Amino acid sequence: ELVAVISRGGMNTDYADSVKGRFTISRDNAKNTV
């Protein structure tokens, strides 16, 4: 199950219905970390 997706700049995200409202995806491009 794909649960979360984030765009290159971090401004666009999407979540599976099963985790929506509970999970948050983010990224720090300066740290090369998601």
PDB file of all heavy atoms in Angstrom:
ATOM      1  N   GLU A   1       0.837  -1.193   0.000  1.00  0.00           N
ATOM      2  CA  GLU A   1       0.000   0.000   0.000  1.00  0.00           C
ATOM      3  C   GLU A   1       0.875   1.246   0.000  1.00  0.00           C
ATOM      4  O   GLU A   1       1.681   1.451   0.908  1.00  0.00           O
ATOM      5  CB  GLU A   1      -0.927   0.022   1.217  1.00  0.00           C
ATOM      6  CG  GLU A   1      -1.862   1.226   1.239  1.00  0.00           C
ATOM      7  CD  GLU A   1      -2.762   1.279   2.459  1.00  0.00           C
ATOM      8  OE1 GLU A   1      -2.376   0.702   3.506  1.00  0.00           O
ATOM      9  OE2 GLU A   1      -3.846   1.889   2.378  1.00  0.00           O
ATOM     10  N   LEU A   2       0.683   2.088  -0.998  1.00  0.00           N
ATOM     11  CA  LEU A   2       1.336   3.388  -1.030  1.00  0.00           C
ATOM     12  C   LEU A   2       0.574   4.325  -0.101  1.00  0.00           C
ATOM     13  O   LEU A   2      -0.616   4.570  -0.307  1.00  0.00           O
ATOM     14  CB  LEU A   2       1.361   3.935  -2.458  1.00  0.00           C
ATOM     15  CG  LEU A   2       2.004   5.305  -2.668  1.00  0.00           C
ATOM     16  CD1 LEU A   2       3.460   5.304  -2.235  1.00  0.00           C
ATOM     17  CD2 LEU A   2       1.881   5.720  -4.130  1.00  0.00           C
ATOM     18  N   VAL A   3       1.238   4.851   0.914  1.00  0.00           N
ATOM     19  CA  VAL A   3       0.534   5.630   1.926  1.00  0.00           C
ATOM     20  C   VAL A   3       0.705   7.131   1.775  1.00  0.00           C
ATOM     21  O   VAL A   3      -0.177   7.890   2.195  1.00  0.00           O
ATOM     22  CB  VAL A   3       0.918   5.194   3.360  1.00  0.00           C
ATOM     23  CG1 VAL A   3       0.572   3.730   3.574  1.00  0.00           C
ATOM     24  CG2 VAL A   3       2.390   5.457   3.661  1.00  0.00           C
ATOM     25  N   ALA A   4       1.811   7.592   1.195  1.00  0.00           N
ATOM     26  CA  ALA A   4       2.034   9.027   1.094  1.00  0.00           C
ATOM     27  C   ALA A   4       3.010   9.356  -0.018  1.00  0.00           C
ATOM     28  O   ALA A   4       3.939   8.599  -0.295  1.00  0.00           O
ATOM     29  CB  ALA A   4       2.559   9.593   2.415  1.00  0.00           C
ATOM     30  N   VAL A   5       2.797  10.507  -0.649  1.00  0.00           N
ATOM     31  CA  VAL A   5       3.641  10.981  -1.747  1.00  0.00           C
ATOM     32  C   VAL A   5       3.900  12.468  -1.540  1.00  0.00           C
ATOM     33  O   VAL A   5       3.005  13.202  -1.103  1.00  0.00           O
ATOM     34  CB  VAL A   5       2.964  10.789  -3.119  1.00  0.00           C
ATOM     35  CG1 VAL A   5       3.911  11.157  -4.248  1.00  0.00           C
ATOM     36  CG2 VAL A   5       2.460   9.372  -3.281  1.00  0.00           C
ATOM     37  N   ILE A   6       5.102  12.915  -1.882  1.00  0.00           N
ATOM     38  CA  ILE A   6       5.429  14.333  -1.785  1.00  0.00           C
ATOM     39  C   ILE A   6       6.219  14.777  -3.005  1.00  0.00           C
ATOM     40  O   ILE A   6       7.089  14.054  -3.497  1.00  0.00           O
ATOM     41  CB  ILE A   6       6.189  14.653  -0.473  1.00  0.00           C
ATOM     42  CG1 ILE A   6       6.346  16.166  -0.277  1.00  0.00           C
ATOM     43  CG2 ILE A   6       7.544  13.945  -0.431  1.00  0.00           C
ATOM     44  CD1 ILE A   6       6.765  16.543   1.145  1.00  0.00           C
ATOM     45  N   SER A   7       5.900  15.962  -3.500  1.00  0.00           N
ATOM     46  CA  SER A   7       6.552  16.500  -4.686  1.00  0.00           C
ATOM     47  C   SER A   7       7.971  16.949  -4.386  1.00  0.00           C
ATOM     48  O   SER A   7       8.400  17.033  -3.238  1.00  0.00           O
ATOM     49  CB  SER A   7       5.739  17.663  -5.251  1.00  0.00           C
ATOM     50  OG  SER A   7       5.636  18.711  -4.301  1.00  0.00           O
ATOM     51  N   ARG A   8       8.705  17.264  -5.451  1.00  0.00           N
ATOM     52  CA  ARG A   8      10.118  17.599  -5.311  1.00  0.00           C
ATOM     53  C   ARG A   8      10.380  18.764  -4.375  1.00  0.00           C
ATOM     54  O   ARG A   8      11.317  18.726  -3.571  1.00  0.00           O
ATOM     55  CB  ARG A   8      10.719  17.892  -6.690  1.00  0.00           C
ATOM     56  CG  ARG A   8      10.763  16.686  -7.616  1.00  0.00           C
ATOM     57  CD  ARG A   8      11.173  17.089  -9.010  1.00  0.00           C
ATOM     58  NE  ARG A   8      10.237  18.062  -9.571  1.00  0.00           N
ATOM     59  CZ  ARG A   8      10.439  18.737 -10.688  1.00  0.00           C
ATOM     60  NH1 ARG A   8      11.560  18.557 -11.379  1.00  0.00           N
ATOM     61  NH2 ARG A   8       9.532  19.593 -11.122  1.00  0.00           N
ATOM     62  N   GLY A   9       9.558  19.797  -4.476  1.00  0.00           N
ATOM     63  CA  GLY A   9       9.712  20.969  -3.630  1.00  0.00           C
ATOM     64  C   GLY A   9       8.988  20.878  -2.305  1.00  0.00           C
ATOM     65  O   GLY A   9       9.101  21.794  -1.476  1.00  0.00           O
ATOM     66  N   GLY A  10       8.236  19.808  -2.095  1.00  0.00           N
ATOM     67  CA  GLY A  10       7.559  19.592  -0.828  1.00  0.00           C
ATOM     68  C   GLY A  10       6.215  20.289  -0.678  1.00  0.00           C
ATOM     69  O   GLY A  10       5.599  20.203   0.385  1.00  0.00           O
ATOM     70  N   MET A  11       5.741  20.941  -1.737  1.00  0.00           N
ATOM     71  CA  MET A  11       4.511  21.721  -1.619  1.00  0.00           C
ATOM     72  C   MET A  11       3.245  20.924  -1.923  1.00  0.00           C
ATOM     73  O   MET A  11       2.147  21.350  -1.545  1.00  0.00           O
ATOM     74  CB  MET A  11       4.578  22.936  -2.548  1.00  0.00           C
ATOM     75  CG  MET A  11       5.655  23.942  -2.160  1.00  0.00           C
ATOM     76  SD  MET A  11       5.349  24.711  -0.535  1.00  0.00           S
ATOM     77  CE  MET A  11       6.506  23.784   0.492  1.00  0.00           C
ATOM     78  N   ASN A  12       3.381  19.793  -2.588  1.00  0.00           N
ATOM     79  CA  ASN A  12       2.236  18.976  -2.948  1.00  0.00           C
ATOM     80  C   ASN A  12       2.356  17.593  -2.329  1.00  0.00           C
ATOM     81  O   ASN A  12       3.411  16.971  -2.403  1.00  0.00           O
ATOM     82  CB  ASN A  12       2.111  18.860  -4.466  1.00  0.00           C
ATOM     83  CG  ASN A  12       1.900  20.203  -5.126  1.00  0.00           C
ATOM     84  OD1 ASN A  12       2.786  20.723  -5.815  1.00  0.00           O
ATOM     85  ND2 ASN A  12       0.727  20.782  -4.910  1.00  0.00           N
ATOM     86  N   THR A  13       1.269  17.132  -1.721  1.00  0.00           N
ATOM     87  CA  THR A  13       1.252  15.822  -1.084  1.00  0.00           C
ATOM     88  C   THR A  13      -0.053  15.102  -1.382  1.00  0.00           C
ATOM     89  O   THR A  13      -1.056  15.720  -1.755  1.00  0.00           O
ATOM     90  CB  THR A  13       1.403  15.935   0.439  1.00  0.00           C
ATOM     91  OG1 THR A  13       0.325  16.719   0.971  1.00  0.00           O
ATOM     92  CG2 THR A  13       2.729  16.576   0.811  1.00  0.00           C
ATOM     93  N   ASP A  14      -0.029  13.777  -1.208  1.00  0.00           N
ATOM     94  CA  ASP A  14      -1.248  12.994  -1.277  1.00  0.00           C
ATOM     95  C   ASP A  14      -1.109  11.809  -0.336  1.00  0.00           C
ATOM     96  O   ASP A  14       0.010  11.332  -0.087  1.00  0.00           O
ATOM     97  CB  ASP A  14      -1.543  12.521  -2.702  1.00  0.00           C
ATOM     98  CG  ASP A  14      -2.948  11.958  -2.840  1.00  0.00           C
ATOM     99  OD1 ASP A  14      -3.901  12.618  -2.379  1.00  0.00           O
ATOM    100  OD2 ASP A  14      -3.100  10.856  -3.400  1.00  0.00           O
ATOM    101  N   TYR A  15      -2.249  11.349   0.193  1.00  0.00           N
ATOM    102  CA  TYR A  15      -2.271  10.275   1.170  1.00  0.00           C
ATOM    103  C   TYR A  15      -3.321   9.236   0.821  1.00  0.00           C
ATOM    104  O   TYR A  15      -4.368   9.563   0.253  1.00  0.00           O
ATOM    105  CB  TYR A  15      -2.588  10.826   2.560  1.00  0.00           C
ATOM    106  CG  TYR A  15      -1.604  11.858   3.036  1.00  0.00           C
ATOM    107  CD1 TYR A  15      -1.810  13.213   2.779  1.00  0.00           C
ATOM    108  CD2 TYR A  15      -0.458  11.480   3.723  1.00  0.00           C
ATOM    109  CE1 TYR A  15      -0.893  14.163   3.202  1.00  0.00           C
ATOM    110  CE2 TYR A  15       0.462  12.424   4.147  1.00  0.00           C
ATOM    111  CZ  TYR A  15       0.240  13.764   3.885  1.00  0.00           C
ATOM    112  OH  TYR A  15       1.154  14.694   4.309  1.00  0.00           O
ATOM    113  N   ALA A  16      -3.040   8.005   1.193  1.00  0.00           N
ATOM    114  CA  ALA A  16      -4.047   6.968   1.084  1.00  0.00           C
ATOM    115  C   ALA A  16      -5.182   7.252   2.057  1.00  0.00           C
ATOM    116  O   ALA A  16      -4.971   7.820   3.132  1.00  0.00           O
ATOM    117  CB  ALA A  16      -3.431   5.606   1.390  1.00  0.00           C
ATOM    118  N   ASP A  17      -6.390   6.855   1.680  1.00  0.00           N
ATOM    119  CA  ASP A  17      -7.543   7.078   2.556  1.00  0.00           C
ATOM    120  C   ASP A  17      -7.339   6.461   3.941  1.00  0.00           C
ATOM    121  O   ASP A  17      -7.821   6.999   4.942  1.00  0.00           O
ATOM    122  CB  ASP A  17      -8.807   6.511   1.924  1.00  0.00           C
ATOM    123  CG  ASP A  17      -9.293   7.329   0.740  1.00  0.00           C
ATOM    124  OD1 ASP A  17      -8.877   8.494   0.586  1.00  0.00           O
ATOM    125  OD2 ASP A  17     -10.103   6.795  -0.036  1.00  0.00           O
ATOM    126  N   SER A  18      -6.613   5.360   4.009  1.00  0.00           N
ATOM    127  CA  SER A  18      -6.413   4.656   5.263  1.00  0.00           C
ATOM    128  C   SER A  18      -5.597   5.449   6.282  1.00  0.00           C
ATOM    129  O   SER A  18      -5.663   5.165   7.477  1.00  0.00           O
ATOM    130  CB  SER A  18      -5.752   3.299   5.009  1.00  0.00           C
ATOM    131  OG  SER A  18      -4.532   3.456   4.311  1.00  0.00           O
ATOM    132  N   VAL A  19      -4.816   6.428   5.824  1.00  0.00           N
ATOM    133  CA  VAL A  19      -3.966   7.201   6.732  1.00  0.00           C
ATOM    134  C   VAL A  19      -4.271   8.690   6.721  1.00  0.00           C
ATOM    135  O   VAL A  19      -3.684   9.442   7.514  1.00  0.00           O
ATOM    136  CB  VAL A  19      -2.469   6.984   6.432  1.00  0.00           C
ATOM    137  CG1 VAL A  19      -2.137   5.499   6.385  1.00  0.00           C
ATOM    138  CG2 VAL A  19      -2.056   7.671   5.133  1.00  0.00           C
ATOM    139  N   LYS A  20      -5.166   9.118   5.869  1.00  0.00           N
ATOM    140  CA  LYS A  20      -5.474  10.538   5.721  1.00  0.00           C
ATOM    141  C   LYS A  20      -5.917  11.145   7.044  1.00  0.00           C
ATOM    142  O   LYS A  20      -6.760  10.587   7.747  1.00  0.00           O
ATOM    143  CB  LYS A  20      -6.546  10.719   4.654  1.00  0.00           C
ATOM    144  CG  LYS A  20      -6.610  12.113   4.053  1.00  0.00           C
ATOM    145  CD  LYS A  20      -7.431  12.107   2.754  1.00  0.00           C
ATOM    146  CE  LYS A  20      -6.745  11.290   1.660  1.00  0.00           C
ATOM    147  NZ  LYS A  20      -7.517  11.269   0.389  1.00  0.00           N
ATOM    148  N   GLY A  21      -5.338  12.276   7.386  1.00  0.00           N
ATOM    149  CA  GLY A  21      -5.649  12.956   8.628  1.00  0.00           C
ATOM    150  C   GLY A  21      -4.804  12.514   9.800  1.00  0.00           C
ATOM    151  O   GLY A  21      -4.828  13.166  10.851  1.00  0.00           O
ATOM    152  N   ARG A  22      -4.071  11.419   9.634  1.00  0.00           N
ATOM    153  CA  ARG A  22      -3.240  10.892  10.711  1.00  0.00           C
ATOM    154  C   ARG A  22      -1.747  10.959  10.397  1.00  0.00           C
ATOM    155  O   ARG A  22      -0.933  11.145  11.299  1.00  0.00           O
ATOM    156  CB  ARG A  22      -3.607   9.439  11.018  1.00  0.00           C
ATOM    157  CG  ARG A  22      -5.060   9.263  11.452  1.00  0.00           C
ATOM    158  CD  ARG A  22      -5.324   7.830  11.917  1.00  0.00           C
ATOM    159  NE  ARG A  22      -5.126   6.857  10.833  1.00  0.00           N
ATOM    160  CZ  ARG A  22      -4.237   5.870  10.864  1.00  0.00           C
ATOM    161  NH1 ARG A  22      -3.456   5.706  11.934  1.00  0.00           N
ATOM    162  NH2 ARG A  22      -4.139   5.023   9.849  1.00  0.00           N
ATOM    163  N   PHE A  23      -1.390  10.784   9.136  1.00  0.00           N
ATOM    164  CA  PHE A  23       0.009  10.779   8.712  1.00  0.00           C
ATOM    165  C   PHE A  23       0.333  12.067   7.964  1.00  0.00           C
ATOM    166  O   PHE A  23      -0.516  12.622   7.254  1.00  0.00           O
ATOM    167  CB  PHE A  23       0.301   9.604   7.781  1.00  0.00           C
ATOM    168  CG  PHE A  23       0.300   8.239   8.427  1.00  0.00           C
ATOM    169  CD1 PHE A  23      -0.205   8.025   9.701  1.00  0.00           C
ATOM    170  CD2 PHE A  23       0.824   7.155   7.730  1.00  0.00           C
ATOM    171  CE1 PHE A  23      -0.203   6.768  10.280  1.00  0.00           C
ATOM    172  CE2 PHE A  23       0.835   5.890   8.295  1.00  0.00           C
ATOM    173  CZ  PHE A  23       0.321   5.690   9.568  1.00  0.00           C
ATOM    174  N   THR A  24       1.577  12.520   8.090  1.00  0.00           N
ATOM    175  CA  THR A  24       2.057  13.679   7.360  1.00  0.00           C
ATOM    176  C   THR A  24       3.423  13.379   6.766  1.00  0.00           C
ATOM    177  O   THR A  24       4.351  13.007   7.490  1.00  0.00           O
ATOM    178  CB  THR A  24       2.169  14.918   8.265  1.00  0.00           C
ATOM    179  OG1 THR A  24       0.906  15.186   8.881  1.00  0.00           O
ATOM    180  CG2 THR A  24       2.597  16.136   7.446  1.00  0.00           C
ATOM    181  N   ILE A  25       3.541  13.539   5.453  1.00  0.00           N
ATOM    182  CA  ILE A  25       4.827  13.384   4.789  1.00  0.00           C
ATOM    183  C   ILE A  25       5.448  14.767   4.606  1.00  0.00           C
ATOM    184  O   ILE A  25       4.750  15.743   4.325  1.00  0.00           O
ATOM    185  CB  ILE A  25       4.680  12.647   3.438  1.00  0.00           C
ATOM    186  CG1 ILE A  25       6.055  12.325   2.839  1.00  0.00           C
ATOM    187  CG2 ILE A  25       3.819  13.441   2.462  1.00  0.00           C
ATOM    188  CD1 ILE A  25       5.987  11.404   1.616  1.00  0.00           C
ATOM    189  N   SER A  26       6.753  14.850   4.795  1.00  0.00           N
ATOM    190  CA  SER A  26       7.476  16.094   4.588  1.00  0.00           C
ATOM    191  C   SER A  26       8.882  15.780   4.111  1.00  0.00           C
ATOM    192  O   SER A  26       9.324  14.630   4.161  1.00  0.00           O
ATOM    193  CB  SER A  26       7.506  16.936   5.868  1.00  0.00           C
ATOM    194  OG  SER A  26       8.184  16.249   6.909  1.00  0.00           O
ATOM    195  N   ARG A  27       9.579  16.795   3.639  1.00  0.00           N
ATOM    196  CA  ARG A  27      10.962  16.589   3.218  1.00  0.00           C
ATOM    197  C   ARG A  27      11.792  17.819   3.528  1.00  0.00           C
ATOM    198  O   ARG A  27      11.286  18.948   3.546  1.00  0.00           O
ATOM    199  CB  ARG A  27      11.043  16.233   1.728  1.00  0.00           C
ATOM    200  CG  ARG A  27      10.624  17.343   0.780  1.00  0.00           C
ATOM    201  CD  ARG A  27      10.443  16.814  -0.646  1.00  0.00           C
ATOM    202  NE  ARG A  27      11.697  16.370  -1.243  1.00  0.00           N
ATOM    203  CZ  ARG A  27      11.796  15.605  -2.329  1.00  0.00           C
ATOM    204  NH1 ARG A  27      10.686  15.182  -2.933  1.00  0.00           N
ATOM    205  NH2 ARG A  27      12.981  15.257  -2.802  1.00  0.00           N
ATOM    206  N   ASP A  28      13.051  17.592   3.779  1.00  0.00           N
ATOM    207  CA  ASP A  28      14.022  18.646   4.001  1.00  0.00           C
ATOM    208  C   ASP A  28      15.099  18.459   2.947  1.00  0.00           C
ATOM    209  O   ASP A  28      15.979  17.608   3.093  1.00  0.00           O
ATOM    210  CB  ASP A  28      14.598  18.565   5.405  1.00  0.00           C
ATOM    211  CG  ASP A  28      15.507  19.734   5.744  1.00  0.00           C
ATOM    212  OD1 ASP A  28      16.027  20.389   4.815  1.00  0.00           O
ATOM    213  OD2 ASP A  28      15.714  19.997   6.937  1.00  0.00           O
ATOM    214  N   ASN A  29      15.003  19.235   1.881  1.00  0.00           N
ATOM    215  CA  ASN A  29      15.923  19.049   0.767  1.00  0.00           C
ATOM    216  C   ASN A  29      17.363  19.420   1.123  1.00  0.00           C
ATOM    217  O   ASN A  29      18.303  18.908   0.517  1.00  0.00           O
ATOM    218  CB  ASN A  29      15.451  19.843  -0.451  1.00  0.00           C
ATOM    219  CG  ASN A  29      14.255  19.198  -1.128  1.00  0.00           C
ATOM    220  OD1 ASN A  29      13.994  18.007  -0.942  1.00  0.00           O
ATOM    221  ND2 ASN A  29      13.522  19.974  -1.907  1.00  0.00           N
ATOM    222  N   ALA A  30      17.536  20.302   2.105  1.00  0.00           N
ATOM    223  CA  ALA A  30      18.877  20.655   2.549  1.00  0.00           C
ATOM    224  C   ALA A  30      19.558  19.500   3.271  1.00  0.00           C
ATOM    225  O   ALA A  30      20.779  19.436   3.336  1.00  0.00           O
ATOM    226  CB  ALA A  30      18.832  21.887   3.448  1.00  0.00           C
ATOM    227  N   LYS A  31      18.750  18.592   3.825  1.00  0.00           N
ATOM    228  CA  LYS A  31      19.269  17.433   4.537  1.00  0.00           C
ATOM    229  C   LYS A  31      19.117  16.134   3.752  1.00  0.00           C
ATOM    230  O   LYS A  31      19.487  15.071   4.251  1.00  0.00           O
ATOM    231  CB  LYS A  31      18.567  17.280   5.886  1.00  0.00           C
ATOM    232  CG  LYS A  31      18.829  18.410   6.860  1.00  0.00           C
ATOM    233  CD  LYS A  31      18.116  18.161   8.177  1.00  0.00           C
ATOM    234  CE  LYS A  31      18.404  19.258   9.179  1.00  0.00           C
ATOM    235  NZ  LYS A  31      17.672  19.046  10.456  1.00  0.00           N
ATOM    236  N   ASN A  32      18.575  16.212   2.537  1.00  0.00           N
ATOM    237  CA  ASN A  32      18.322  15.017   1.722  1.00  0.00           C
ATOM    238  C   ASN A  32      17.552  13.956   2.504  1.00  0.00           C
ATOM    239  O   ASN A  32      17.881  12.766   2.472  1.00  0.00           O
ATOM    240  CB  ASN A  32      19.636  14.427   1.194  1.00  0.00           C
ATOM    241  CG  ASN A  32      20.280  15.276   0.118  1.00  0.00           C
ATOM    242  OD1 ASN A  32      19.649  16.150  -0.473  1.00  0.00           O
ATOM    243  ND2 ASN A  32      21.549  15.021  -0.147  1.00  0.00           N
ATOM    244  N   THR A  33      16.516  14.402   3.193  1.00  0.00           N
ATOM    245  CA  THR A  33      15.754  13.519   4.061  1.00  0.00           C
ATOM    246  C   THR A  33      14.264  13.709   3.859  1.00  0.00           C
ATOM    247  O   THR A  33      13.789  14.840   3.723  1.00  0.00           O
ATOM    248  CB  THR A  33      16.113  13.764   5.537  1.00  0.00           C
ATOM    249  OG1 THR A  33      17.522  13.558   5.723  1.00  0.00           O
ATOM    250  CG2 THR A  33      15.363  12.815   6.456  1.00  0.00           C
ATOM    251  N   VAL A  34      13.530  12.601   3.842  1.00  0.00           N
ATOM    252  CA  VAL A  34      12.083  12.624   3.803  1.00  0.00           C
ATOM    253  C   VAL A  34      11.569  11.987   5.092  1.00  0.00           C
ATOM    254  O   VAL A  34      12.185  11.051   5.616  1.00  0.00           O
ATOM    255  CB  VAL A  34      11.527  11.914   2.541  1.00  0.00           C
ATOM    256  CG1 VAL A  34      11.923  10.449   2.504  1.00  0.00           C
ATOM    257  CG2 VAL A  34      10.017  12.086   2.447  1.00  0.00           C
TER     258      VAL A  34
END
